[in-house]
Amino acid sequence: MGERSACAFCGGRETRPLNQYGPRCLVGDYRITTGDVENVWCVRCGLGWNRRMMDESELAAFYAGYAKKTGTVE
């Protein structure tokens, strides 16, 4: 997992936190997934992003646990 500390839009490095959770979180309807999320916003331009950049396998595992109940059995 990498970290993006500079704003991709303006290059600003001063940020403020938006929200943070990890390593476990409850998402969707009763499914638990793992992942670290640290959303921040750029003080200079206001762009928001997740500072912790998950790699492809981490993203796949994170989103695999995020689902809504559809009434079907898996």
PDB file of N, CA and C in Angstrom:
ATOM      1  N   MET A   1       0.856  -1.167   0.000  1.00  0.00           N
ATOM      2  CA  MET A   1       0.000   0.000   0.000  1.00  0.00           C
ATOM      3  C   MET A   1       0.900   1.227   0.000  1.00  0.00           C
ATOM      4  N   GLY A   2       0.626   2.124  -0.923  1.00  0.00           N
ATOM      5  CA  GLY A   2       1.367   3.368  -0.981  1.00  0.00           C
ATOM      6  C   GLY A   2       0.546   4.502  -0.390  1.00  0.00           C
ATOM      7  N   GLU A   3       1.179   5.648  -0.265  1.00  0.00           N
ATOM      8  CA  GLU A   3       0.464   6.821   0.238  1.00  0.00           C
ATOM      9  C   GLU A   3       0.636   7.972  -0.732  1.00  0.00           C
ATOM     10  N   ARG A   4      -0.441   8.698  -0.941  1.00  0.00           N
ATOM     11  CA  ARG A   4      -0.392   9.900  -1.765  1.00  0.00           C
ATOM     12  C   ARG A   4      -0.517  11.088  -0.823  1.00  0.00           C
ATOM     13  N   SER A   5       0.586  11.823  -0.653  1.00  0.00           N
ATOM     14  CA  SER A   5       0.568  12.937   0.292  1.00  0.00           C
ATOM     15  C   SER A   5       0.389  14.284  -0.397  1.00  0.00           C
ATOM     16  N   ALA A   6       0.628  14.338  -1.707  1.00  0.00           N
ATOM     17  CA  ALA A   6       0.451  15.591  -2.443  1.00  0.00           C
ATOM     18  C   ALA A   6      -0.825  15.533  -3.273  1.00  0.00           C
ATOM     19  N   CYS A   7      -1.482  16.654  -3.394  1.00  0.00           N
ATOM     20  CA  CYS A   7      -2.706  16.757  -4.186  1.00  0.00           C
ATOM     21  C   CYS A   7      -2.396  16.492  -5.658  1.00  0.00           C
ATOM     22  N   ALA A   8      -3.181  15.625  -6.289  1.00  0.00           N
ATOM     23  CA  ALA A   8      -2.989  15.308  -7.703  1.00  0.00           C
ATOM     24  C   ALA A   8      -3.406  16.461  -8.605  1.00  0.00           C
ATOM     25  N   PHE A   9      -4.215  17.382  -8.095  1.00  0.00           N
ATOM     26  CA  PHE A   9      -4.694  18.495  -8.911  1.00  0.00           C
ATOM     27  C   PHE A   9      -3.743  19.684  -8.870  1.00  0.00           C
ATOM     28  N   CYS A  10      -3.405  20.161  -7.660  1.00  0.00           N
ATOM     29  CA  CYS A  10      -2.601  21.387  -7.560  1.00  0.00           C
ATOM     30  C   CYS A  10      -1.213  21.162  -6.975  1.00  0.00           C
ATOM     31  N   GLY A  11      -0.935  19.960  -6.473  1.00  0.00           N
ATOM     32  CA  GLY A  11       0.378  19.678  -5.898  1.00  0.00           C
ATOM     33  C   GLY A  11       0.521  20.104  -4.445  1.00  0.00           C
ATOM     34  N   GLY A  12      -0.535  20.663  -3.867  1.00  0.00           N
ATOM     35  CA  GLY A  12      -0.483  21.096  -2.474  1.00  0.00           C
ATOM     36  C   GLY A  12      -0.198  19.945  -1.534  1.00  0.00           C
ATOM     37  N   ARG A  13       0.527  20.219  -0.468  1.00  0.00           N
ATOM     38  CA  ARG A  13       0.885  19.166   0.488  1.00  0.00           C
ATOM     39  C   ARG A  13       0.233  19.344   1.854  1.00  0.00           C
ATOM     40  N   GLU A  14      -0.458  20.445   2.079  1.00  0.00           N
ATOM     41  CA  GLU A  14      -1.145  20.643   3.346  1.00  0.00           C
ATOM     42  C   GLU A  14      -2.552  20.078   3.233  1.00  0.00           C
ATOM     43  N   THR A  15      -2.870  19.107   4.092  1.00  0.00           N
ATOM     44  CA  THR A  15      -4.167  18.435   4.045  1.00  0.00           C
ATOM     45  C   THR A  15      -4.843  18.481   5.410  1.00  0.00           C
ATOM     46  N   ARG A  16      -6.123  18.218   5.382  1.00  0.00           N
ATOM     47  CA  ARG A  16      -6.925  18.082   6.598  1.00  0.00           C
ATOM     48  C   ARG A  16      -7.708  16.773   6.472  1.00  0.00           C
ATOM     49  N   PRO A  17      -7.934  16.086   7.599  1.00  0.00           N
ATOM     50  CA  PRO A  17      -8.672  14.816   7.534  1.00  0.00           C
ATOM     51  C   PRO A  17     -10.155  15.020   7.238  1.00  0.00           C
ATOM     52  N   LEU A  18     -10.719  14.110   6.457  1.00  0.00           N
ATOM     53  CA  LEU A  18     -12.167  14.055   6.227  1.00  0.00           C
ATOM     54  C   LEU A  18     -12.765  12.961   7.092  1.00  0.00           C
ATOM     55  N   ASN A  19     -12.229  11.763   6.984  1.00  0.00           N
ATOM     56  CA  ASN A  19     -12.644  10.635   7.821  1.00  0.00           C
ATOM     57  C   ASN A  19     -11.589   9.550   7.721  1.00  0.00           C
ATOM     58  N   GLN A  20     -11.646   8.615   8.645  1.00  0.00           N
ATOM     59  CA  GLN A  20     -10.651   7.545   8.654  1.00  0.00           C
ATOM     60  C   GLN A  20     -11.264   6.316   9.298  1.00  0.00           C
ATOM     61  N   TYR A  21     -10.983   5.136   8.747  1.00  0.00           N
ATOM     62  CA  TYR A  21     -11.352   3.901   9.401  1.00  0.00           C
ATOM     63  C   TYR A  21     -10.401   2.795   8.965  1.00  0.00           C
ATOM     64  N   GLY A  22     -10.266   1.813   9.765  1.00  0.00           N
ATOM     65  CA  GLY A  22      -9.420   0.686   9.434  1.00  0.00           C
ATOM     66  C   GLY A  22      -8.910   0.051  10.704  1.00  0.00           C
ATOM     67  N   PRO A  23      -8.416  -1.124  10.659  1.00  0.00           N
ATOM     68  CA  PRO A  23      -8.353  -1.963   9.466  1.00  0.00           C
ATOM     69  C   PRO A  23      -9.638  -2.733   9.190  1.00  0.00           C
ATOM     70  N   ARG A  24     -10.623  -2.733  10.123  1.00  0.00           N
ATOM     71  CA  ARG A  24     -11.871  -3.455   9.866  1.00  0.00           C
ATOM     72  C   ARG A  24     -13.023  -2.467   9.833  1.00  0.00           C
ATOM     73  N   CYS A  25     -13.947  -2.701   8.945  1.00  0.00           N
ATOM     74  CA  CYS A  25     -15.115  -1.833   8.888  1.00  0.00           C
ATOM     75  C   CYS A  25     -16.315  -2.638   8.413  1.00  0.00           C
ATOM     76  N   LEU A  26     -17.484  -2.242   8.863  1.00  0.00           N
ATOM     77  CA  LEU A  26     -18.719  -2.891   8.436  1.00  0.00           C
ATOM     78  C   LEU A  26     -19.283  -2.108   7.267  1.00  0.00           C
ATOM     79  N   VAL A  27     -19.531  -2.786   6.174  1.00  0.00           N
ATOM     80  CA  VAL A  27     -20.047  -2.117   4.978  1.00  0.00           C
ATOM     81  C   VAL A  27     -21.191  -2.922   4.392  1.00  0.00           C
ATOM     82  N   GLY A  28     -21.896  -2.320   3.462  1.00  0.00           N
ATOM     83  CA  GLY A  28     -22.987  -3.023   2.805  1.00  0.00           C
ATOM     84  C   GLY A  28     -24.008  -3.487   3.818  1.00  0.00           C
ATOM     85  N   ASP A  29     -24.578  -4.621   3.605  1.00  0.00           N
ATOM     86  CA  ASP A  29     -25.532  -5.198   4.537  1.00  0.00           C
ATOM     87  C   ASP A  29     -24.912  -6.401   5.225  1.00  0.00           C
ATOM     88  N   TYR A  30     -24.343  -6.179   6.399  1.00  0.00           N
ATOM     89  CA  TYR A  30     -23.809  -7.213   7.273  1.00  0.00           C
ATOM     90  C   TYR A  30     -22.590  -7.940   6.706  1.00  0.00           C
ATOM     91  N   ARG A  31     -21.822  -7.310   5.906  1.00  0.00           N
ATOM     92  CA  ARG A  31     -20.593  -7.920   5.397  1.00  0.00           C
ATOM     93  C   ARG A  31     -19.417  -7.117   5.922  1.00  0.00           C
ATOM     94  N   ILE A  32     -18.405  -7.817   6.382  1.00  0.00           N
ATOM     95  CA  ILE A  32     -17.234  -7.130   6.905  1.00  0.00           C
ATOM     96  C   ILE A  32     -16.112  -7.257   5.888  1.00  0.00           C
ATOM     97  N   THR A  33     -15.464  -6.156   5.633  1.00  0.00           N
ATOM     98  CA  THR A  33     -14.330  -6.143   4.722  1.00  0.00           C
ATOM     99  C   THR A  33     -13.170  -5.446   5.430  1.00  0.00           C
ATOM    100  N   THR A  34     -11.978  -5.658   4.936  1.00  0.00           N
ATOM    101  CA  THR A  34     -10.817  -5.027   5.553  1.00  0.00           C
ATOM    102  C   THR A  34     -10.218  -4.014   4.600  1.00  0.00           C
ATOM    103  N   GLY A  35      -9.611  -3.024   5.162  1.00  0.00           N
ATOM    104  CA  GLY A  35      -8.954  -1.998   4.363  1.00  0.00           C
ATOM    105  C   GLY A  35      -8.726  -0.764   5.211  1.00  0.00           C
ATOM    106  N   ASP A  36      -7.716  -0.018   4.884  1.00  0.00           N
ATOM    107  CA  ASP A  36      -7.427   1.232   5.580  1.00  0.00           C
ATOM    108  C   ASP A  36      -7.822   2.381   4.679  1.00  0.00           C
ATOM    109  N   VAL A  37      -8.667   3.247   5.181  1.00  0.00           N
ATOM    110  CA  VAL A  37      -9.113   4.407   4.421  1.00  0.00           C
ATOM    111  C   VAL A  37      -8.827   5.644   5.246  1.00  0.00           C
ATOM    112  N   GLU A  38      -8.140   6.585   4.638  1.00  0.00           N
ATOM    113  CA  GLU A  38      -7.856   7.863   5.289  1.00  0.00           C
ATOM    114  C   GLU A  38      -8.124   8.966   4.275  1.00  0.00           C
ATOM    115  N   ASN A  39      -9.365   9.410   4.218  1.00  0.00           N
ATOM    116  CA  ASN A  39      -9.733  10.461   3.280  1.00  0.00           C
ATOM    117  C   ASN A  39      -9.294  11.817   3.818  1.00  0.00           C
ATOM    118  N   VAL A  40      -8.673  12.598   2.940  1.00  0.00           N
ATOM    119  CA  VAL A  40      -8.190  13.928   3.297  1.00  0.00           C
ATOM    120  C   VAL A  40      -8.628  14.920   2.226  1.00  0.00           C
ATOM    121  N   TRP A  41      -8.533  16.198   2.545  1.00  0.00           N
ATOM    122  CA  TRP A  41      -8.802  17.224   1.547  1.00  0.00           C
ATOM    123  C   TRP A  41      -7.647  18.200   1.522  1.00  0.00           C
ATOM    124  N   CYS A  42      -7.379  18.750   0.346  1.00  0.00           N
ATOM    125  CA  CYS A  42      -6.286  19.695   0.124  1.00  0.00           C
ATOM    126  C   CYS A  42      -6.723  21.075   0.607  1.00  0.00           C
ATOM    127  N   VAL A  43      -5.898  21.682   1.450  1.00  0.00           N
ATOM    128  CA  VAL A  43      -6.205  23.011   1.984  1.00  0.00           C
ATOM    129  C   VAL A  43      -6.155  24.054   0.867  1.00  0.00           C
ATOM    130  N   ARG A  44      -5.284  23.859  -0.110  1.00  0.00           N
ATOM    131  CA  ARG A  44      -5.098  24.834  -1.184  1.00  0.00           C
ATOM    132  C   ARG A  44      -6.275  24.890  -2.154  1.00  0.00           C
ATOM    133  N   CYS A  45      -6.740  23.713  -2.638  1.00  0.00           N
ATOM    134  CA  CYS A  45      -7.774  23.732  -3.681  1.00  0.00           C
ATOM    135  C   CYS A  45      -9.070  23.017  -3.294  1.00  0.00           C
ATOM    136  N   GLY A  46      -9.062  22.231  -2.226  1.00  0.00           N
ATOM    137  CA  GLY A  46     -10.277  21.570  -1.772  1.00  0.00           C
ATOM    138  C   GLY A  46     -10.515  20.175  -2.320  1.00  0.00           C
ATOM    139  N   LEU A  47      -9.620  19.654  -3.160  1.00  0.00           N
ATOM    140  CA  LEU A  47      -9.784  18.307  -3.698  1.00  0.00           C
ATOM    141  C   LEU A  47      -9.678  17.289  -2.568  1.00  0.00           C
ATOM    142  N   GLY A  48     -10.520  16.256  -2.604  1.00  0.00           N
ATOM    143  CA  GLY A  48     -10.461  15.197  -1.604  1.00  0.00           C
ATOM    144  C   GLY A  48      -9.969  13.897  -2.219  1.00  0.00           C
ATOM    145  N   TRP A  49      -9.274  13.084  -1.435  1.00  0.00           N
ATOM    146  CA  TRP A  49      -8.788  11.786  -1.906  1.00  0.00           C
ATOM    147  C   TRP A  49      -8.474  10.885  -0.730  1.00  0.00           C
ATOM    148  N   ASN A  50      -8.285   9.608  -1.025  1.00  0.00           N
ATOM    149  CA  ASN A  50      -7.856   8.628  -0.044  1.00  0.00           C
ATOM    150  C   ASN A  50      -6.335   8.629  -0.036  1.00  0.00           C
ATOM    151  N   ARG A  51      -5.752   9.009   1.075  1.00  0.00           N
ATOM    152  CA  ARG A  51      -4.292   9.099   1.173  1.00  0.00           C
ATOM    153  C   ARG A  51      -3.641   7.730   1.008  1.00  0.00           C
ATOM    154  N   ARG A  52      -4.288   6.689   1.512  1.00  0.00           N
ATOM    155  CA  ARG A  52      -3.716   5.343   1.441  1.00  0.00           C
ATOM    156  C   ARG A  52      -4.157   4.674   0.150  1.00  0.00           C
ATOM    157  N   MET A  53      -3.228   4.474  -0.745  1.00  0.00           N
ATOM    158  CA  MET A  53      -3.526   3.927  -2.066  1.00  0.00           C
ATOM    159  C   MET A  53      -3.317   2.410  -2.052  1.00  0.00           C
ATOM    160  N   MET A  54      -4.426   1.660  -2.097  1.00  0.00           N
ATOM    161  CA  MET A  54      -4.344   0.204  -2.107  1.00  0.00           C
ATOM    162  C   MET A  54      -3.900  -0.282  -3.481  1.00  0.00           C
ATOM    163  N   ASP A  55      -3.143  -1.397  -3.483  1.00  0.00           N
ATOM    164  CA  ASP A  55      -2.770  -1.972  -4.769  1.00  0.00           C
ATOM    165  C   ASP A  55      -3.951  -2.782  -5.312  1.00  0.00           C
ATOM    166  N   GLU A  56      -3.782  -3.353  -6.490  1.00  0.00           N
ATOM    167  CA  GLU A  56      -4.891  -4.027  -7.172  1.00  0.00           C
ATOM    168  C   GLU A  56      -5.480  -5.169  -6.354  1.00  0.00           C
ATOM    169  N   SER A  57      -4.652  -5.997  -5.738  1.00  0.00           N
ATOM    170  CA  SER A  57      -5.170  -7.127  -4.966  1.00  0.00           C
ATOM    171  C   SER A  57      -5.871  -6.653  -3.690  1.00  0.00           C
ATOM    172  N   GLU A  58      -5.361  -5.599  -3.054  1.00  0.00           N
ATOM    173  CA  GLU A  58      -6.009  -5.049  -1.859  1.00  0.00           C
ATOM    174  C   GLU A  58      -7.372  -4.449  -2.209  1.00  0.00           C
ATOM    175  N   LEU A  59      -7.446  -3.749  -3.342  1.00  0.00           N
ATOM    176  CA  LEU A  59      -8.725  -3.181  -3.778  1.00  0.00           C
ATOM    177  C   LEU A  59      -9.740  -4.272  -4.087  1.00  0.00           C
ATOM    178  N   ALA A  60      -9.295  -5.329  -4.756  1.00  0.00           N
ATOM    179  CA  ALA A  60     -10.195  -6.424  -5.099  1.00  0.00           C
ATOM    180  C   ALA A  60     -10.764  -7.063  -3.833  1.00  0.00           C
ATOM    181  N   ALA A  61      -9.925  -7.287  -2.826  1.00  0.00           N
ATOM    182  CA  ALA A  61     -10.381  -7.882  -1.573  1.00  0.00           C
ATOM    183  C   ALA A  61     -11.320  -6.929  -0.830  1.00  0.00           C
ATOM    184  N   PHE A  62     -11.026  -5.641  -0.851  1.00  0.00           N
ATOM    185  CA  PHE A  62     -11.854  -4.646  -0.181  1.00  0.00           C
ATOM    186  C   PHE A  62     -13.249  -4.601  -0.792  1.00  0.00           C
ATOM    187  N   TYR A  63     -13.331  -4.486  -2.113  1.00  0.00           N
ATOM    188  CA  TYR A  63     -14.630  -4.370  -2.769  1.00  0.00           C
ATOM    189  C   TYR A  63     -15.388  -5.697  -2.848  1.00  0.00           C
ATOM    190  N   ALA A  64     -14.690  -6.819  -2.721  1.00  0.00           N
ATOM    191  CA  ALA A  64     -15.377  -8.111  -2.714  1.00  0.00           C
ATOM    192  C   ALA A  64     -16.311  -8.226  -1.518  1.00  0.00           C
ATOM    193  N   GLY A  65     -15.975  -7.566  -0.417  1.00  0.00           N
ATOM    194  CA  GLY A  65     -16.820  -7.611   0.765  1.00  0.00           C
ATOM    195  C   GLY A  65     -17.894  -6.554   0.778  1.00  0.00           C
ATOM    196  N   TYR A  66     -17.892  -5.659  -0.180  1.00  0.00           N
ATOM    197  CA  TYR A  66     -18.848  -4.564  -0.208  1.00  0.00           C
ATOM    198  C   TYR A  66     -19.975  -4.912  -1.171  1.00  0.00           C
ATOM    199  N   ALA A  67     -21.100  -5.270  -0.634  1.00  0.00           N
ATOM    200  CA  ALA A  67     -22.223  -5.647  -1.483  1.00  0.00           C
ATOM    201  C   ALA A  67     -23.523  -5.374  -0.732  1.00  0.00           C
ATOM    202  N   LYS A  68     -24.551  -5.140  -1.448  1.00  0.00           N
ATOM    203  CA  LYS A  68     -25.864  -4.963  -0.865  1.00  0.00           C
ATOM    204  C   LYS A  68     -26.636  -6.266  -0.962  1.00  0.00           C
ATOM    205  N   LYS A  69     -27.534  -6.454  -0.027  1.00  0.00           N
ATOM    206  CA  LYS A  69     -28.395  -7.627  -0.097  1.00  0.00           C
ATOM    207  C   LYS A  69     -29.297  -7.490  -1.318  1.00  0.00           C
ATOM    208  N   THR A  70     -29.397  -8.545  -2.089  1.00  0.00           N
ATOM    209  CA  THR A  70     -30.234  -8.505  -3.278  1.00  0.00           C
ATOM    210  C   THR A  70     -31.412  -9.472  -3.171  1.00  0.00           C
ATOM    211  N   GLY A  71     -31.449 -10.209  -2.071  1.00  0.00           N
ATOM    212  CA  GLY A  71     -32.523 -11.183  -1.922  1.00  0.00           C
ATOM    213  C   GLY A  71     -32.155 -12.539  -2.470  1.00  0.00           C
ATOM    214  N   THR A  72     -30.955 -12.656  -3.056  1.00  0.00           N
ATOM    215  CA  THR A  72     -30.509 -13.928  -3.588  1.00  0.00           C
ATOM    216  C   THR A  72     -29.502 -14.534  -2.620  1.00  0.00           C
ATOM    217  N   VAL A  73     -29.407 -15.830  -2.622  1.00  0.00           N
ATOM    218  CA  VAL A  73     -28.464 -16.536  -1.768  1.00  0.00           C
ATOM    219  C   VAL A  73     -27.188 -16.756  -2.546  1.00  0.00           C
ATOM    220  N   GLU A  74     -26.075 -16.461  -1.899  1.00  0.00           N
ATOM    221  CA  GLU A  74     -24.786 -16.666  -2.571  1.00  0.00           C
ATOM    222  C   GLU A  74     -24.221 -18.023  -2.286  1.00  0.00           C
TER     223      GLU A  74
END
